[in-house]
Amino acid sequence: MRKEIVINGNDITSTINFHQEIARMLSFPGYYDNTLDSLLDCLNTYIDPKLTIHWTSHNTSKAYLGHEFDQIIEVFQMIKGYHPEFEYHLN
């Protein structure tokens, strides 16, 4: 069964805010430390790869996060390379 989550880009105004929100939505383990390395690790090993992330209003988040937004998307791309069934959509 595929799990789907929605990240509301209007609510993501900092990288810490992003990490806190995704950790909450996906029930990341306690060792998650709000870093890209930890995001990669949790998505790669802890979460069922049959996951779809819908990031609505992503342009709002991108305006706040700048280059850090691109780095998060790079992590998503890496996970897609490891687990082709993983999906993300920027709306």
PDB file of N, CA and C in Angstrom:
ATOM      1  N   MET A   1       0.839  -1.180   0.000  1.00  0.00           N
ATOM      2  CA  MET A   1       0.000   0.000   0.000  1.00  0.00           C
ATOM      3  C   MET A   1       0.887   1.248   0.000  1.00  0.00           C
ATOM      4  N   ARG A   2       0.567   2.198  -0.832  1.00  0.00           N
ATOM      5  CA  ARG A   2       1.347   3.417  -0.973  1.00  0.00           C
ATOM      6  C   ARG A   2       0.914   4.441   0.076  1.00  0.00           C
ATOM      7  N   LYS A   3       1.911   5.022   0.741  1.00  0.00           N
ATOM      8  CA  LYS A   3       1.656   6.107   1.678  1.00  0.00           C
ATOM      9  C   LYS A   3       1.870   7.411   0.938  1.00  0.00           C
ATOM     10  N   GLU A   4       0.992   8.376   1.171  1.00  0.00           N
ATOM     11  CA  GLU A   4       1.114   9.691   0.556  1.00  0.00           C
ATOM     12  C   GLU A   4       1.055  10.754   1.639  1.00  0.00           C
ATOM     13  N   ILE A   5       1.968  11.721   1.524  1.00  0.00           N
ATOM     14  CA  ILE A   5       1.932  12.862   2.437  1.00  0.00           C
ATOM     15  C   ILE A   5       1.931  14.142   1.606  1.00  0.00           C
ATOM     16  N   VAL A   6       1.434  15.205   2.216  1.00  0.00           N
ATOM     17  CA  VAL A   6       1.388  16.505   1.564  1.00  0.00           C
ATOM     18  C   VAL A   6       2.148  17.502   2.432  1.00  0.00           C
ATOM     19  N   ILE A   7       3.154  18.110   1.835  1.00  0.00           N
ATOM     20  CA  ILE A   7       3.887  19.191   2.491  1.00  0.00           C
ATOM     21  C   ILE A   7       3.303  20.486   1.944  1.00  0.00           C
ATOM     22  N   ASN A   8       2.781  21.315   2.814  1.00  0.00           N
ATOM     23  CA  ASN A   8       2.226  22.596   2.393  1.00  0.00           C
ATOM     24  C   ASN A   8       3.358  23.618   2.365  1.00  0.00           C
ATOM     25  N   GLY A   9       3.755  24.011   1.169  1.00  0.00           N
ATOM     26  CA  GLY A   9       4.867  24.935   1.002  1.00  0.00           C
ATOM     27  C   GLY A   9       4.656  26.281   1.662  1.00  0.00           C
ATOM     28  N   ASN A  10       3.410  26.667   1.879  1.00  0.00           N
ATOM     29  CA  ASN A  10       3.134  27.933   2.565  1.00  0.00           C
ATOM     30  C   ASN A  10       3.559  27.880   4.028  1.00  0.00           C
ATOM     31  N   ASP A  11       3.684  26.672   4.561  1.00  0.00           N
ATOM     32  CA  ASP A  11       4.074  26.495   5.964  1.00  0.00           C
ATOM     33  C   ASP A  11       5.572  26.270   6.146  1.00  0.00           C
ATOM     34  N   ILE A  12       6.304  26.073   5.049  1.00  0.00           N
ATOM     35  CA  ILE A  12       7.741  25.762   5.129  1.00  0.00           C
ATOM     36  C   ILE A  12       8.531  27.027   4.815  1.00  0.00           C
ATOM     37  N   THR A  13       9.008  27.675   5.870  1.00  0.00           N
ATOM     38  CA  THR A  13       9.711  28.954   5.701  1.00  0.00           C
ATOM     39  C   THR A  13      11.165  28.898   6.152  1.00  0.00           C
ATOM     40  N   SER A  14      11.605  27.721   6.595  1.00  0.00           N
ATOM     41  CA  SER A  14      13.007  27.532   6.977  1.00  0.00           C
ATOM     42  C   SER A  14      13.335  26.048   6.863  1.00  0.00           C
ATOM     43  N   THR A  15      14.627  25.739   6.796  1.00  0.00           N
ATOM     44  CA  THR A  15      14.996  24.328   6.690  1.00  0.00           C
ATOM     45  C   THR A  15      14.660  23.576   7.978  1.00  0.00           C
ATOM     46  N   ILE A  16      14.820  24.224   9.106  1.00  0.00           N
ATOM     47  CA  ILE A  16      14.456  23.578  10.371  1.00  0.00           C
ATOM     48  C   ILE A  16      12.971  23.249  10.365  1.00  0.00           C
ATOM     49  N   ASN A  17      12.166  24.204   9.891  1.00  0.00           N
ATOM     50  CA  ASN A  17      10.728  23.996   9.788  1.00  0.00           C
ATOM     51  C   ASN A  17      10.426  22.800   8.881  1.00  0.00           C
ATOM     52  N   PHE A  18      11.115  22.691   7.738  1.00  0.00           N
ATOM     53  CA  PHE A  18      10.936  21.548   6.835  1.00  0.00           C
ATOM     54  C   PHE A  18      11.264  20.247   7.546  1.00  0.00           C
ATOM     55  N   HIS A  19      12.435  20.198   8.179  1.00  0.00           N
ATOM     56  CA  HIS A  19      12.863  18.956   8.838  1.00  0.00           C
ATOM     57  C   HIS A  19      11.889  18.548   9.941  1.00  0.00           C
ATOM     58  N   GLN A  20      11.437  19.504  10.716  1.00  0.00           N
ATOM     59  CA  GLN A  20      10.487  19.189  11.781  1.00  0.00           C
ATOM     60  C   GLN A  20       9.185  18.641  11.210  1.00  0.00           C
ATOM     61  N   GLU A  21       8.718  19.245  10.122  1.00  0.00           N
ATOM     62  CA  GLU A  21       7.452  18.829   9.529  1.00  0.00           C
ATOM     63  C   GLU A  21       7.552  17.439   8.903  1.00  0.00           C
ATOM     64  N   ILE A  22       8.601  17.178   8.140  1.00  0.00           N
ATOM     65  CA  ILE A  22       8.711  15.859   7.503  1.00  0.00           C
ATOM     66  C   ILE A  22       8.964  14.772   8.549  1.00  0.00           C
ATOM     67  N   ALA A  23       9.728  15.099   9.576  1.00  0.00           N
ATOM     68  CA  ALA A  23       9.961  14.127  10.652  1.00  0.00           C
ATOM     69  C   ALA A  23       8.655  13.789  11.361  1.00  0.00           C
ATOM     70  N   ARG A  24       7.826  14.777  11.570  1.00  0.00           N
ATOM     71  CA  ARG A  24       6.532  14.549  12.213  1.00  0.00           C
ATOM     72  C   ARG A  24       5.622  13.714  11.316  1.00  0.00           C
ATOM     73  N   MET A  25       5.531  14.088  10.044  1.00  0.00           N
ATOM     74  CA  MET A  25       4.627  13.394   9.125  1.00  0.00           C
ATOM     75  C   MET A  25       5.020  11.941   8.896  1.00  0.00           C
ATOM     76  N   LEU A  26       6.321  11.666   8.891  1.00  0.00           N
ATOM     77  CA  LEU A  26       6.791  10.318   8.608  1.00  0.00           C
ATOM     78  C   LEU A  26       7.239   9.558   9.856  1.00  0.00           C
ATOM     79  N   SER A  27       7.029  10.162  11.016  1.00  0.00           N
ATOM     80  CA  SER A  27       7.385   9.520  12.295  1.00  0.00           C
ATOM     81  C   SER A  27       8.823   9.020  12.293  1.00  0.00           C
ATOM     82  N   PHE A  28       9.744   9.916  11.912  1.00  0.00           N
ATOM     83  CA  PHE A  28      11.160   9.568  11.916  1.00  0.00           C
ATOM     84  C   PHE A  28      11.603   9.206  13.326  1.00  0.00           C
ATOM     85  N   PRO A  29      12.626   8.367  13.436  1.00  0.00           N
ATOM     86  CA  PRO A  29      13.115   7.961  14.759  1.00  0.00           C
ATOM     87  C   PRO A  29      13.786   9.121  15.498  1.00  0.00           C
ATOM     88  N   GLY A  30      13.999   8.920  16.774  1.00  0.00           N
ATOM     89  CA  GLY A  30      14.563   9.957  17.629  1.00  0.00           C
ATOM     90  C   GLY A  30      15.933  10.451  17.221  1.00  0.00           C
ATOM     91  N   TYR A  31      16.698   9.641  16.494  1.00  0.00           N
ATOM     92  CA  TYR A  31      18.042  10.071  16.101  1.00  0.00           C
ATOM     93  C   TYR A  31      18.029  11.074  14.946  1.00  0.00           C
ATOM     94  N   TYR A  32      16.879  11.333  14.354  1.00  0.00           N
ATOM     95  CA  TYR A  32      16.807  12.292  13.249  1.00  0.00           C
ATOM     96  C   TYR A  32      17.246  13.661  13.767  1.00  0.00           C
ATOM     97  N   ASP A  33      18.258  14.242  13.105  1.00  0.00           N
ATOM     98  CA  ASP A  33      18.852  15.468  13.645  1.00  0.00           C
ATOM     99  C   ASP A  33      18.718  16.689  12.728  1.00  0.00           C
ATOM    100  N   ASN A  34      17.680  16.699  11.906  1.00  0.00           N
ATOM    101  CA  ASN A  34      17.370  17.884  11.085  1.00  0.00           C
ATOM    102  C   ASN A  34      18.481  18.260  10.112  1.00  0.00           C
ATOM    103  N   THR A  35      19.130  17.250   9.530  1.00  0.00           N
ATOM    104  CA  THR A  35      20.158  17.499   8.526  1.00  0.00           C
ATOM    105  C   THR A  35      19.809  16.731   7.251  1.00  0.00           C
ATOM    106  N   LEU A  36      20.450  17.131   6.159  1.00  0.00           N
ATOM    107  CA  LEU A  36      20.228  16.432   4.894  1.00  0.00           C
ATOM    108  C   LEU A  36      20.733  14.995   4.950  1.00  0.00           C
ATOM    109  N   ASP A  37      21.834  14.762   5.635  1.00  0.00           N
ATOM    110  CA  ASP A  37      22.351  13.395   5.782  1.00  0.00           C
ATOM    111  C   ASP A  37      21.352  12.512   6.520  1.00  0.00           C
ATOM    112  N   SER A  38      20.760  13.068   7.553  1.00  0.00           N
ATOM    113  CA  SER A  38      19.776  12.314   8.319  1.00  0.00           C
ATOM    114  C   SER A  38      18.502  12.085   7.499  1.00  0.00           C
ATOM    115  N   LEU A  39      18.112  13.081   6.701  1.00  0.00           N
ATOM    116  CA  LEU A  39      16.962  12.929   5.806  1.00  0.00           C
ATOM    117  C   LEU A  39      17.215  11.786   4.826  1.00  0.00           C
ATOM    118  N   LEU A  40      18.385  11.785   4.220  1.00  0.00           N
ATOM    119  CA  LEU A  40      18.756  10.725   3.281  1.00  0.00           C
ATOM    120  C   LEU A  40      18.718   9.368   3.970  1.00  0.00           C
ATOM    121  N   ASP A  41      19.306   9.289   5.140  1.00  0.00           N
ATOM    122  CA  ASP A  41      19.348   8.029   5.875  1.00  0.00           C
ATOM    123  C   ASP A  41      17.948   7.523   6.205  1.00  0.00           C
ATOM    124  N   CYS A  42      17.104   8.398   6.732  1.00  0.00           N
ATOM    125  CA  CYS A  42      15.757   7.965   7.133  1.00  0.00           C
ATOM    126  C   CYS A  42      14.904   7.572   5.930  1.00  0.00           C
ATOM    127  N   LEU A  43      14.961   8.353   4.864  1.00  0.00           N
ATOM    128  CA  LEU A  43      14.183   8.002   3.678  1.00  0.00           C
ATOM    129  C   LEU A  43      14.697   6.716   3.024  1.00  0.00           C
ATOM    130  N   ASN A  44      15.984   6.485   3.108  1.00  0.00           N
ATOM    131  CA  ASN A  44      16.581   5.317   2.462  1.00  0.00           C
ATOM    132  C   ASN A  44      16.391   4.034   3.257  1.00  0.00           C
ATOM    133  N   THR A  45      16.446   4.121   4.572  1.00  0.00           N
ATOM    134  CA  THR A  45      16.455   2.900   5.372  1.00  0.00           C
ATOM    135  C   THR A  45      15.263   2.731   6.302  1.00  0.00           C
ATOM    136  N   TYR A  46      14.642   3.806   6.707  1.00  0.00           N
ATOM    137  CA  TYR A  46      13.615   3.725   7.748  1.00  0.00           C
ATOM    138  C   TYR A  46      12.196   3.734   7.187  1.00  0.00           C
ATOM    139  N   ILE A  47      11.991   4.402   6.069  1.00  0.00           N
ATOM    140  CA  ILE A  47      10.656   4.600   5.504  1.00  0.00           C
ATOM    141  C   ILE A  47      10.402   3.609   4.382  1.00  0.00           C
ATOM    142  N   ASP A  48       9.185   3.083   4.318  1.00  0.00           N
ATOM    143  CA  ASP A  48       8.784   2.229   3.191  1.00  0.00           C
ATOM    144  C   ASP A  48       8.939   3.032   1.904  1.00  0.00           C
ATOM    145  N   PRO A  49       9.692   2.527   0.935  1.00  0.00           N
ATOM    146  CA  PRO A  49       9.942   3.297  -0.290  1.00  0.00           C
ATOM    147  C   PRO A  49       8.697   3.538  -1.136  1.00  0.00           C
ATOM    148  N   LYS A  50       7.595   2.858  -0.846  1.00  0.00           N
ATOM    149  CA  LYS A  50       6.343   3.122  -1.565  1.00  0.00           C
ATOM    150  C   LYS A  50       5.687   4.352  -0.957  1.00  0.00           C
ATOM    151  N   LEU A  51       6.371   5.469  -1.105  1.00  0.00           N
ATOM    152  CA  LEU A  51       5.955   6.742  -0.519  1.00  0.00           C
ATOM    153  C   LEU A  51       5.855   7.778  -1.630  1.00  0.00           C
ATOM    154  N   THR A  52       4.809   8.578  -1.572  1.00  0.00           N
ATOM    155  CA  THR A  52       4.683   9.725  -2.463  1.00  0.00           C
ATOM    156  C   THR A  52       4.612  10.980  -1.608  1.00  0.00           C
ATOM    157  N   ILE A  53       5.478  11.933  -1.935  1.00  0.00           N
ATOM    158  CA  ILE A  53       5.467  13.231  -1.272  1.00  0.00           C
ATOM    159  C   ILE A  53       4.933  14.249  -2.266  1.00  0.00           C
ATOM    160  N   HIS A  54       3.866  14.920  -1.895  1.00  0.00           N
ATOM    161  CA  HIS A  54       3.314  16.017  -2.690  1.00  0.00           C
ATOM    162  C   HIS A  54       3.702  17.313  -1.974  1.00  0.00           C
ATOM    163  N   TRP A  55       4.477  18.136  -2.635  1.00  0.00           N
ATOM    164  CA  TRP A  55       4.902  19.418  -2.036  1.00  0.00           C
ATOM    165  C   TRP A  55       4.115  20.511  -2.742  1.00  0.00           C
ATOM    166  N   THR A  56       3.010  20.929  -2.127  1.00  0.00           N
ATOM    167  CA  THR A  56       2.173  21.965  -2.709  1.00  0.00           C
ATOM    168  C   THR A  56       2.782  23.339  -2.422  1.00  0.00           C
ATOM    169  N   SER A  57       2.477  24.300  -3.275  1.00  0.00           N
ATOM    170  CA  SER A  57       3.022  25.657  -3.134  1.00  0.00           C
ATOM    171  C   SER A  57       4.530  25.625  -2.920  1.00  0.00           C
ATOM    172  N   HIS A  58       5.197  24.731  -3.647  1.00  0.00           N
ATOM    173  CA  HIS A  58       6.643  24.562  -3.444  1.00  0.00           C
ATOM    174  C   HIS A  58       7.428  25.830  -3.778  1.00  0.00           C
ATOM    175  N   ASN A  59       6.904  26.663  -4.671  1.00  0.00           N
ATOM    176  CA  ASN A  59       7.613  27.906  -5.003  1.00  0.00           C
ATOM    177  C   ASN A  59       7.717  28.849  -3.811  1.00  0.00           C
ATOM    178  N   THR A  60       6.735  28.800  -2.939  1.00  0.00           N
ATOM    179  CA  THR A  60       6.808  29.605  -1.712  1.00  0.00           C
ATOM    180  C   THR A  60       7.954  29.119  -0.838  1.00  0.00           C
ATOM    181  N   SER A  61       8.037  27.803  -0.654  1.00  0.00           N
ATOM    182  CA  SER A  61       9.145  27.240   0.124  1.00  0.00           C
ATOM    183  C   SER A  61      10.478  27.567  -0.527  1.00  0.00           C
ATOM    184  N   LYS A  62      10.541  27.443  -1.839  1.00  0.00           N
ATOM    185  CA  LYS A  62      11.786  27.701  -2.554  1.00  0.00           C
ATOM    186  C   LYS A  62      12.245  29.139  -2.355  1.00  0.00           C
ATOM    187  N   ALA A  63      11.297  30.068  -2.328  1.00  0.00           N
ATOM    188  CA  ALA A  63      11.638  31.479  -2.104  1.00  0.00           C
ATOM    189  C   ALA A  63      12.269  31.678  -0.719  1.00  0.00           C
ATOM    190  N   TYR A  64      11.758  30.972   0.275  1.00  0.00           N
ATOM    191  CA  TYR A  64      12.306  31.080   1.629  1.00  0.00           C
ATOM    192  C   TYR A  64      13.616  30.302   1.791  1.00  0.00           C
ATOM    193  N   LEU A  65      13.676  29.108   1.209  1.00  0.00           N
ATOM    194  CA  LEU A  65      14.809  28.215   1.455  1.00  0.00           C
ATOM    195  C   LEU A  65      15.980  28.424   0.503  1.00  0.00           C
ATOM    196  N   GLY A  66      15.704  28.963  -0.679  1.00  0.00           N
ATOM    197  CA  GLY A  66      16.773  29.202  -1.646  1.00  0.00           C
ATOM    198  C   GLY A  66      17.484  27.911  -2.029  1.00  0.00           C
ATOM    199  N   HIS A  67      18.809  27.944  -1.958  1.00  0.00           N
ATOM    200  CA  HIS A  67      19.634  26.797  -2.361  1.00  0.00           C
ATOM    201  C   HIS A  67      19.333  25.557  -1.518  1.00  0.00           C
ATOM    202  N   GLU A  68      18.932  25.771  -0.285  1.00  0.00           N
ATOM    203  CA  GLU A  68      18.625  24.632   0.585  1.00  0.00           C
ATOM    204  C   GLU A  68      17.438  23.832   0.045  1.00  0.00           C
ATOM    205  N   PHE A  69      16.499  24.502  -0.629  1.00  0.00           N
ATOM    206  CA  PHE A  69      15.392  23.798  -1.278  1.00  0.00           C
ATOM    207  C   PHE A  69      15.944  22.834  -2.324  1.00  0.00           C
ATOM    208  N   ASP A  70      16.868  23.330  -3.146  1.00  0.00           N
ATOM    209  CA  ASP A  70      17.476  22.493  -4.180  1.00  0.00           C
ATOM    210  C   ASP A  70      18.199  21.292  -3.578  1.00  0.00           C
ATOM    211  N   GLN A  71      18.822  21.485  -2.430  1.00  0.00           N
ATOM    212  CA  GLN A  71      19.515  20.379  -1.770  1.00  0.00           C
ATOM    213  C   GLN A  71      18.528  19.313  -1.277  1.00  0.00           C
ATOM    214  N   ILE A  72      17.380  19.743  -0.793  1.00  0.00           N
ATOM    215  CA  ILE A  72      16.350  18.788  -0.366  1.00  0.00           C
ATOM    216  C   ILE A  72      15.875  17.978  -1.570  1.00  0.00           C
ATOM    217  N   ILE A  73      15.655  18.648  -2.693  1.00  0.00           N
ATOM    218  CA  ILE A  73      15.217  17.958  -3.914  1.00  0.00           C
ATOM    219  C   ILE A  73      16.297  16.986  -4.391  1.00  0.00           C
ATOM    220  N   GLU A  74      17.562  17.358  -4.233  1.00  0.00           N
ATOM    221  CA  GLU A  74      18.651  16.435  -4.575  1.00  0.00           C
ATOM    222  C   GLU A  74      18.565  15.163  -3.742  1.00  0.00           C
ATOM    223  N   VAL A  75      18.229  15.299  -2.465  1.00  0.00           N
ATOM    224  CA  VAL A  75      18.059  14.115  -1.608  1.00  0.00           C
ATOM    225  C   VAL A  75      16.899  13.273  -2.133  1.00  0.00           C
ATOM    226  N   PHE A  76      15.781  13.913  -2.473  1.00  0.00           N
ATOM    227  CA  PHE A  76      14.652  13.169  -3.035  1.00  0.00           C
ATOM    228  C   PHE A  76      15.072  12.426  -4.297  1.00  0.00           C
ATOM    229  N   GLN A  77      15.867  13.078  -5.141  1.00  0.00           N
ATOM    230  CA  GLN A  77      16.338  12.437  -6.380  1.00  0.00           C
ATOM    231  C   GLN A  77      17.228  11.242  -6.080  1.00  0.00           C
ATOM    232  N   MET A  78      18.075  11.377  -5.072  1.00  0.00           N
ATOM    233  CA  MET A  78      18.937  10.264  -4.682  1.00  0.00           C
ATOM    234  C   MET A  78      18.091   9.076  -4.212  1.00  0.00           C
ATOM    235  N   ILE A  79      17.066   9.355  -3.415  1.00  0.00           N
ATOM    236  CA  ILE A  79      16.194   8.282  -2.933  1.00  0.00           C
ATOM    237  C   ILE A  79      15.486   7.619  -4.106  1.00  0.00           C
ATOM    238  N   LYS A  80      15.046   8.414  -5.067  1.00  0.00           N
ATOM    239  CA  LYS A  80      14.405   7.864  -6.260  1.00  0.00           C
ATOM    240  C   LYS A  80      15.376   6.940  -7.003  1.00  0.00           C
ATOM    241  N   GLY A  81      16.656   7.285  -7.023  1.00  0.00           N
ATOM    242  CA  GLY A  81      17.658   6.424  -7.646  1.00  0.00           C
ATOM    243  C   GLY A  81      17.830   5.103  -6.916  1.00  0.00           C
ATOM    244  N   TYR A  82      17.734   5.141  -5.580  1.00  0.00           N
ATOM    245  CA  TYR A  82      17.862   3.915  -4.785  1.00  0.00           C
ATOM    246  C   TYR A  82      16.579   3.090  -4.813  1.00  0.00           C
ATOM    247  N   HIS A  83      15.445   3.797  -4.812  1.00  0.00           N
ATOM    248  CA  HIS A  83      14.129   3.155  -4.715  1.00  0.00           C
ATOM    249  C   HIS A  83      13.208   3.751  -5.780  1.00  0.00           C
ATOM    250  N   PRO A  84      13.171   3.167  -6.978  1.00  0.00           N
ATOM    251  CA  PRO A  84      12.368   3.736  -8.070  1.00  0.00           C
ATOM    252  C   PRO A  84      10.888   3.909  -7.732  1.00  0.00           C
ATOM    253  N   GLU A  85      10.385   3.173  -6.748  1.00  0.00           N
ATOM    254  CA  GLU A  85       8.974   3.301  -6.380  1.00  0.00           C
ATOM    255  C   GLU A  85       8.688   4.559  -5.557  1.00  0.00           C
ATOM    256  N   PHE A  86       9.728   5.196  -5.026  1.00  0.00           N
ATOM    257  CA  PHE A  86       9.571   6.469  -4.310  1.00  0.00           C
ATOM    258  C   PHE A  86       9.186   7.553  -5.317  1.00  0.00           C
ATOM    259  N   GLU A  87       8.234   8.406  -4.936  1.00  0.00           N
ATOM    260  CA  GLU A  87       7.812   9.490  -5.808  1.00  0.00           C
ATOM    261  C   GLU A  87       7.710  10.788  -5.023  1.00  0.00           C
ATOM    262  N   TYR A  88       7.976  11.876  -5.726  1.00  0.00           N
ATOM    263  CA  TYR A  88       7.694  13.200  -5.173  1.00  0.00           C
ATOM    264  C   TYR A  88       7.190  14.071  -6.302  1.00  0.00           C
ATOM    265  N   HIS A  89       6.293  14.978  -5.951  1.00  0.00           N
ATOM    266  CA  HIS A  89       5.695  15.877  -6.931  1.00  0.00           C
ATOM    267  C   HIS A  89       5.738  17.296  -6.371  1.00  0.00           C
ATOM    268  N   LEU A  90       6.197  18.204  -7.198  1.00  0.00           N
ATOM    269  CA  LEU A  90       6.224  19.624  -6.821  1.00  0.00           C
ATOM    270  C   LEU A  90       5.044  20.296  -7.501  1.00  0.00           C
ATOM    271  N   ASN A  91       4.125  20.773  -6.707  1.00  0.00           N
ATOM    272  CA  ASN A  91       2.924  21.411  -7.238  1.00  0.00           C
ATOM    273  C   ASN A  91       2.910  22.885  -6.887  1.00  0.00           C
TER     274      ASN A  91
END
